[in-house]
């Protein structure tokens, strides 16, 4: 499906890689609350994987919950506890794969949060 050298032409969307982290500002209770933070903005391709966004799923497995695959350049700091914001839509990361183990691209399998 993907040929070498064509990755840059696929990356048509901007995604904010978000995570929960401690705030730099102390609250009224004297603690640092957990807030949403942006790790970075990356270019990506969004590829739908299923057509069952609104209908019920037969099982609650990771593969059955996957609705989209997001392809981006390789990064080693993206983890499954993060999420992506693409055009105002939240994509929770289910798992991350380097398909050819060459550190060229990441395939991030996501579930759309409605």
N, C-alpha and C. Protein backbone atom coordinates (compact mmCIF):
# COMPACT_ATOMS: atom_id res chain seq x y z
N UNK A 1 0.81 -1.19 0.00
CA UNK A 1 0.00 0.00 0.00
C UNK A 1 0.86 1.26 0.00
N UNK A 2 1.92 1.28 0.80
CA UNK A 2 2.79 2.43 0.86
C UNK A 2 4.11 2.09 0.18
N UNK A 3 4.55 2.99 -0.66
CA UNK A 3 5.86 2.79 -1.27
C UNK A 3 6.84 3.76 -0.65
N UNK A 4 8.07 3.38 -0.62
CA UNK A 4 9.10 4.25 -0.06
C UNK A 4 9.17 5.54 -0.85
N UNK A 5 9.41 6.63 -0.13
CA UNK A 5 9.54 7.91 -0.78
C UNK A 5 8.23 8.66 -0.94
N UNK A 6 7.09 8.03 -0.63
CA UNK A 6 5.80 8.66 -0.79
C UNK A 6 5.20 9.07 0.54
N UNK A 7 5.90 8.91 1.64
CA UNK A 7 5.34 9.22 2.95
C UNK A 7 4.98 10.69 3.07
N UNK A 8 5.83 11.57 2.60
CA UNK A 8 5.58 13.01 2.74
C UNK A 8 4.32 13.44 2.00
N UNK A 9 4.01 12.83 0.88
CA UNK A 9 2.82 13.22 0.13
C UNK A 9 1.53 12.72 0.79
N UNK A 10 1.63 11.73 1.66
CA UNK A 10 0.46 11.21 2.36
C UNK A 10 0.04 12.09 3.54
N UNK A 11 0.98 12.80 4.14
CA UNK A 11 0.74 13.50 5.39
C UNK A 11 0.01 14.81 5.13
N UNK A 12 -1.33 14.74 5.14
CA UNK A 12 -2.14 15.88 4.77
C UNK A 12 -2.85 16.55 5.95
N UNK A 13 -2.80 15.96 7.13
CA UNK A 13 -3.50 16.50 8.29
C UNK A 13 -2.48 16.90 9.36
N UNK A 14 -2.86 17.87 10.18
CA UNK A 14 -2.06 18.22 11.34
C UNK A 14 -2.72 17.60 12.57
N UNK A 15 -1.93 16.94 13.39
CA UNK A 15 -2.43 16.32 14.61
C UNK A 15 -1.66 16.85 15.79
N UNK A 16 -2.39 17.19 16.84
CA UNK A 16 -1.75 17.56 18.10
C UNK A 16 -1.67 16.29 18.95
N UNK A 17 -0.48 15.95 19.40
CA UNK A 17 -0.28 14.80 20.28
C UNK A 17 -0.46 15.30 21.71
N UNK A 18 -1.52 14.82 22.36
CA UNK A 18 -1.90 15.31 23.69
C UNK A 18 -1.64 14.25 24.75
N UNK A 19 -1.40 14.72 25.98
CA UNK A 19 -1.22 13.81 27.11
C UNK A 19 -1.62 14.53 28.39
N UNK A 20 -1.81 13.76 29.46
CA UNK A 20 -2.10 14.33 30.77
C UNK A 20 -0.79 14.51 31.53
N UNK A 21 -0.57 15.71 32.04
CA UNK A 21 0.64 15.99 32.79
C UNK A 21 0.37 16.97 33.91
N UNK A 22 1.35 17.13 34.79
CA UNK A 22 1.20 18.05 35.91
C UNK A 22 1.27 19.49 35.43
N UNK A 23 0.42 20.32 36.02
CA UNK A 23 0.44 21.75 35.72
C UNK A 23 1.66 22.39 36.37
N UNK A 24 2.12 23.49 35.79
CA UNK A 24 3.22 24.23 36.39
C UNK A 24 2.72 25.19 37.46
N UNK A 25 1.41 25.39 37.52
CA UNK A 25 0.80 26.34 38.45
C UNK A 25 0.14 25.58 39.59
N UNK A 26 0.42 25.98 40.80
CA UNK A 26 -0.16 25.35 41.98
C UNK A 26 -1.60 25.85 42.15
N UNK A 27 -2.50 24.94 42.54
CA UNK A 27 -3.89 25.34 42.74
C UNK A 27 -4.11 25.78 44.19
N UNK A 28 -5.37 26.04 44.57
CA UNK A 28 -5.71 26.55 45.90
C UNK A 28 -5.40 25.55 47.01
N UNK A 29 -5.34 24.27 46.68
CA UNK A 29 -5.07 23.24 47.68
C UNK A 29 -3.58 22.99 47.89
N UNK A 30 -2.75 23.66 47.12
CA UNK A 30 -1.31 23.49 47.25
C UNK A 30 -0.75 22.32 46.48
N UNK A 31 -1.51 21.82 45.51
CA UNK A 31 -1.05 20.72 44.68
C UNK A 31 -0.96 21.18 43.23
N UNK A 32 -0.28 20.40 42.44
CA UNK A 32 -0.18 20.67 41.01
C UNK A 32 -1.19 19.76 40.30
N UNK A 33 -2.29 20.32 39.80
CA UNK A 33 -3.32 19.47 39.18
C UNK A 33 -2.86 18.86 37.86
N UNK A 34 -3.54 17.78 37.47
CA UNK A 34 -3.28 17.13 36.19
C UNK A 34 -4.07 17.87 35.12
N UNK A 35 -3.39 18.30 34.07
CA UNK A 35 -4.02 19.03 32.98
C UNK A 35 -3.63 18.41 31.64
N UNK A 36 -4.40 18.71 30.61
CA UNK A 36 -4.07 18.26 29.27
C UNK A 36 -2.95 19.13 28.71
N UNK A 37 -1.95 18.48 28.14
CA UNK A 37 -0.82 19.19 27.55
C UNK A 37 -0.59 18.69 26.13
N UNK A 38 -0.01 19.54 25.32
CA UNK A 38 0.32 19.18 23.94
C UNK A 38 1.80 18.84 23.86
N UNK A 39 2.11 17.62 23.46
CA UNK A 39 3.50 17.20 23.29
C UNK A 39 4.11 17.87 22.07
N UNK A 40 3.39 17.79 20.95
CA UNK A 40 3.89 18.35 19.69
C UNK A 40 2.78 18.31 18.65
N UNK A 41 2.99 19.00 17.55
CA UNK A 41 2.09 18.93 16.41
C UNK A 41 2.83 18.21 15.29
N UNK A 42 2.18 17.19 14.72
CA UNK A 42 2.80 16.38 13.68
C UNK A 42 1.89 16.33 12.46
N UNK A 43 2.47 16.11 11.31
CA UNK A 43 1.69 15.88 10.10
C UNK A 43 1.40 14.39 10.00
N UNK A 44 0.18 14.06 9.54
CA UNK A 44 -0.21 12.66 9.52
C UNK A 44 -1.21 12.39 8.40
N UNK A 45 -1.43 11.11 8.14
CA UNK A 45 -2.48 10.65 7.24
C UNK A 45 -3.48 9.87 8.08
N UNK A 46 -4.76 10.10 7.85
CA UNK A 46 -5.81 9.41 8.59
C UNK A 46 -6.49 8.44 7.64
N UNK A 47 -6.46 7.14 7.99
CA UNK A 47 -7.01 6.09 7.14
C UNK A 47 -8.10 5.36 7.90
N UNK A 48 -9.36 5.42 7.45
CA UNK A 48 -10.44 4.69 8.13
C UNK A 48 -10.20 3.18 8.05
N UNK A 49 -10.50 2.48 9.13
CA UNK A 49 -10.29 1.04 9.17
C UNK A 49 -11.60 0.25 9.22
N UNK A 50 -12.66 0.83 9.78
CA UNK A 50 -13.93 0.12 9.88
C UNK A 50 -15.05 1.05 9.48
N UNK A 51 -16.19 0.47 9.20
CA UNK A 51 -17.36 1.26 8.89
C UNK A 51 -18.39 1.20 10.00
N UNK A 52 -18.00 0.71 11.16
CA UNK A 52 -18.97 0.50 12.25
C UNK A 52 -18.81 1.55 13.33
N UNK A 53 -18.74 2.81 12.96
CA UNK A 53 -18.56 3.85 13.95
C UNK A 53 -19.79 4.03 14.82
N UNK A 54 -20.97 3.86 14.25
CA UNK A 54 -22.19 4.11 15.00
C UNK A 54 -22.90 2.84 15.44
N UNK A 55 -22.62 1.72 14.83
CA UNK A 55 -23.29 0.48 15.22
C UNK A 55 -22.52 -0.21 16.34
N UNK A 56 -23.18 -1.15 17.01
CA UNK A 56 -22.55 -1.86 18.11
C UNK A 56 -21.45 -2.79 17.62
N UNK A 57 -20.49 -3.04 18.47
CA UNK A 57 -19.39 -3.94 18.13
C UNK A 57 -19.62 -5.29 18.80
N UNK A 58 -19.15 -6.34 18.16
CA UNK A 58 -19.40 -7.68 18.68
C UNK A 58 -18.54 -8.01 19.89
N UNK A 59 -17.37 -7.47 19.95
CA UNK A 59 -16.48 -7.73 21.08
C UNK A 59 -15.73 -6.45 21.41
N UNK A 60 -15.28 -6.36 22.64
CA UNK A 60 -14.57 -5.15 23.05
C UNK A 60 -13.07 -5.40 23.04
N UNK A 61 -12.58 -5.99 21.97
CA UNK A 61 -11.15 -6.21 21.84
C UNK A 61 -10.49 -4.99 21.20
N UNK A 62 -9.19 -4.91 21.31
CA UNK A 62 -8.46 -3.77 20.75
C UNK A 62 -8.67 -3.68 19.25
N UNK A 63 -8.63 -4.81 18.57
CA UNK A 63 -8.80 -4.80 17.12
C UNK A 63 -10.22 -4.39 16.74
N UNK A 64 -11.21 -4.83 17.48
CA UNK A 64 -12.60 -4.47 17.18
C UNK A 64 -12.86 -3.00 17.47
N UNK A 65 -12.14 -2.41 18.41
CA UNK A 65 -12.35 -1.01 18.76
C UNK A 65 -11.61 -0.07 17.82
N UNK A 66 -10.68 -0.57 17.03
CA UNK A 66 -9.92 0.27 16.12
C UNK A 66 -10.82 0.82 15.03
N UNK A 67 -10.86 2.15 14.88
CA UNK A 67 -11.68 2.75 13.84
C UNK A 67 -10.83 3.45 12.78
N UNK A 68 -9.64 3.92 13.14
CA UNK A 68 -8.79 4.63 12.19
C UNK A 68 -7.32 4.26 12.42
N UNK A 69 -6.56 4.35 11.35
CA UNK A 69 -5.11 4.21 11.43
C UNK A 69 -4.52 5.56 11.05
N UNK A 70 -3.62 6.07 11.88
CA UNK A 70 -2.96 7.34 11.63
C UNK A 70 -1.50 7.04 11.33
N UNK A 71 -1.03 7.47 10.17
CA UNK A 71 0.35 7.23 9.75
C UNK A 71 1.11 8.55 9.87
N UNK A 72 2.26 8.49 10.52
CA UNK A 72 3.09 9.68 10.69
C UNK A 72 4.56 9.28 10.65
N UNK A 73 5.42 10.26 10.63
CA UNK A 73 6.86 9.98 10.68
C UNK A 73 7.21 9.36 12.03
N UNK A 74 8.29 8.62 12.06
CA UNK A 74 8.68 7.90 13.28
C UNK A 74 9.03 8.86 14.40
N UNK A 75 8.53 8.55 15.57
CA UNK A 75 8.87 9.24 16.82
C UNK A 75 8.90 8.18 17.91
N UNK A 76 9.80 8.32 18.85
CA UNK A 76 9.86 7.34 19.93
C UNK A 76 9.22 7.84 21.22
N UNK A 77 8.61 9.04 21.19
CA UNK A 77 8.04 9.58 22.42
C UNK A 77 6.51 9.52 22.46
N UNK A 78 5.88 8.89 21.48
CA UNK A 78 4.43 8.72 21.50
C UNK A 78 4.11 7.38 22.16
N UNK A 79 3.20 7.41 23.15
CA UNK A 79 2.84 6.22 23.91
C UNK A 79 1.33 5.99 23.85
N UNK A 80 0.86 4.77 24.16
CA UNK A 80 -0.57 4.48 24.08
C UNK A 80 -1.45 5.23 25.08
N UNK A 81 -0.88 5.87 26.08
CA UNK A 81 -1.71 6.63 27.02
C UNK A 81 -1.99 8.05 26.52
N UNK A 82 -1.56 8.39 25.33
CA UNK A 82 -1.79 9.70 24.73
C UNK A 82 -2.97 9.63 23.78
N UNK A 83 -3.34 10.79 23.22
CA UNK A 83 -4.38 10.85 22.22
C UNK A 83 -4.03 11.92 21.20
N UNK A 84 -4.70 11.86 20.06
CA UNK A 84 -4.46 12.81 18.98
C UNK A 84 -5.70 13.68 18.79
N UNK A 85 -5.49 14.95 18.54
CA UNK A 85 -6.57 15.87 18.18
C UNK A 85 -6.36 16.25 16.72
N UNK A 86 -7.28 15.82 15.85
CA UNK A 86 -7.17 16.08 14.42
C UNK A 86 -8.47 16.75 13.98
N UNK A 87 -8.39 17.97 13.53
CA UNK A 87 -9.56 18.74 13.07
C UNK A 87 -10.66 18.77 14.13
N UNK A 88 -10.29 18.90 15.39
CA UNK A 88 -11.26 19.00 16.47
C UNK A 88 -11.84 17.68 16.93
N UNK A 89 -11.37 16.57 16.40
CA UNK A 89 -11.86 15.24 16.77
C UNK A 89 -10.77 14.54 17.57
N UNK A 90 -11.19 13.89 18.67
CA UNK A 90 -10.23 13.18 19.52
C UNK A 90 -10.10 11.73 19.08
N UNK A 91 -8.86 11.29 18.90
CA UNK A 91 -8.53 9.91 18.54
C UNK A 91 -7.71 9.32 19.68
N UNK A 92 -8.29 8.40 20.44
CA UNK A 92 -7.55 7.73 21.51
C UNK A 92 -6.64 6.67 20.89
N UNK A 93 -5.38 6.66 21.31
CA UNK A 93 -4.41 5.70 20.78
C UNK A 93 -4.61 4.35 21.45
N UNK A 94 -4.80 3.31 20.65
CA UNK A 94 -4.94 1.95 21.17
C UNK A 94 -3.60 1.22 21.16
N UNK A 95 -2.91 1.27 20.04
CA UNK A 95 -1.54 0.73 19.99
C UNK A 95 -0.78 1.36 18.84
N UNK A 96 0.54 1.24 18.94
CA UNK A 96 1.45 1.89 18.00
C UNK A 96 2.36 0.83 17.39
N UNK A 97 2.58 0.94 16.09
CA UNK A 97 3.39 -0.07 15.42
C UNK A 97 4.36 0.60 14.44
N UNK A 98 5.60 0.15 14.45
CA UNK A 98 6.58 0.50 13.43
C UNK A 98 6.57 -0.66 12.44
N UNK A 99 5.83 -0.55 11.31
CA UNK A 99 5.53 -1.72 10.50
C UNK A 99 6.73 -2.44 9.90
N UNK A 100 7.78 -1.73 9.56
CA UNK A 100 8.92 -2.38 8.92
C UNK A 100 10.15 -2.37 9.81
N UNK A 101 10.02 -1.91 11.04
CA UNK A 101 11.10 -1.84 12.02
C UNK A 101 12.31 -1.08 11.47
N UNK A 102 12.05 -0.06 10.65
CA UNK A 102 13.14 0.74 10.09
C UNK A 102 13.13 2.18 10.59
N UNK A 103 12.28 2.48 11.56
CA UNK A 103 12.18 3.81 12.18
C UNK A 103 11.92 4.90 11.14
N UNK A 104 11.10 4.56 10.16
CA UNK A 104 10.74 5.52 9.12
C UNK A 104 9.35 6.10 9.36
N UNK A 105 8.39 5.25 9.75
CA UNK A 105 7.02 5.70 9.97
C UNK A 105 6.40 4.94 11.13
N UNK A 106 5.36 5.54 11.69
CA UNK A 106 4.56 4.89 12.72
C UNK A 106 3.15 4.71 12.20
N UNK A 107 2.55 3.59 12.52
CA UNK A 107 1.13 3.38 12.29
C UNK A 107 0.49 3.35 13.66
N UNK A 108 -0.35 4.34 13.91
CA UNK A 108 -1.00 4.50 15.22
C UNK A 108 -2.46 4.10 15.04
N UNK A 109 -2.87 3.03 15.70
CA UNK A 109 -4.23 2.55 15.59
C UNK A 109 -5.06 3.22 16.68
N UNK A 110 -6.17 3.84 16.28
CA UNK A 110 -6.93 4.73 17.16
C UNK A 110 -8.40 4.37 17.17
N UNK A 111 -9.07 4.92 18.19
CA UNK A 111 -10.51 4.84 18.32
C UNK A 111 -11.03 6.26 18.42
N UNK A 112 -12.01 6.60 17.60
CA UNK A 112 -12.59 7.94 17.65
C UNK A 112 -13.45 8.05 18.89
N UNK A 113 -13.28 9.16 19.62
CA UNK A 113 -14.10 9.42 20.81
C UNK A 113 -15.18 10.39 20.39
N UNK A 114 -16.43 9.96 20.53
CA UNK A 114 -17.57 10.79 20.11
C UNK A 114 -18.06 11.60 21.30
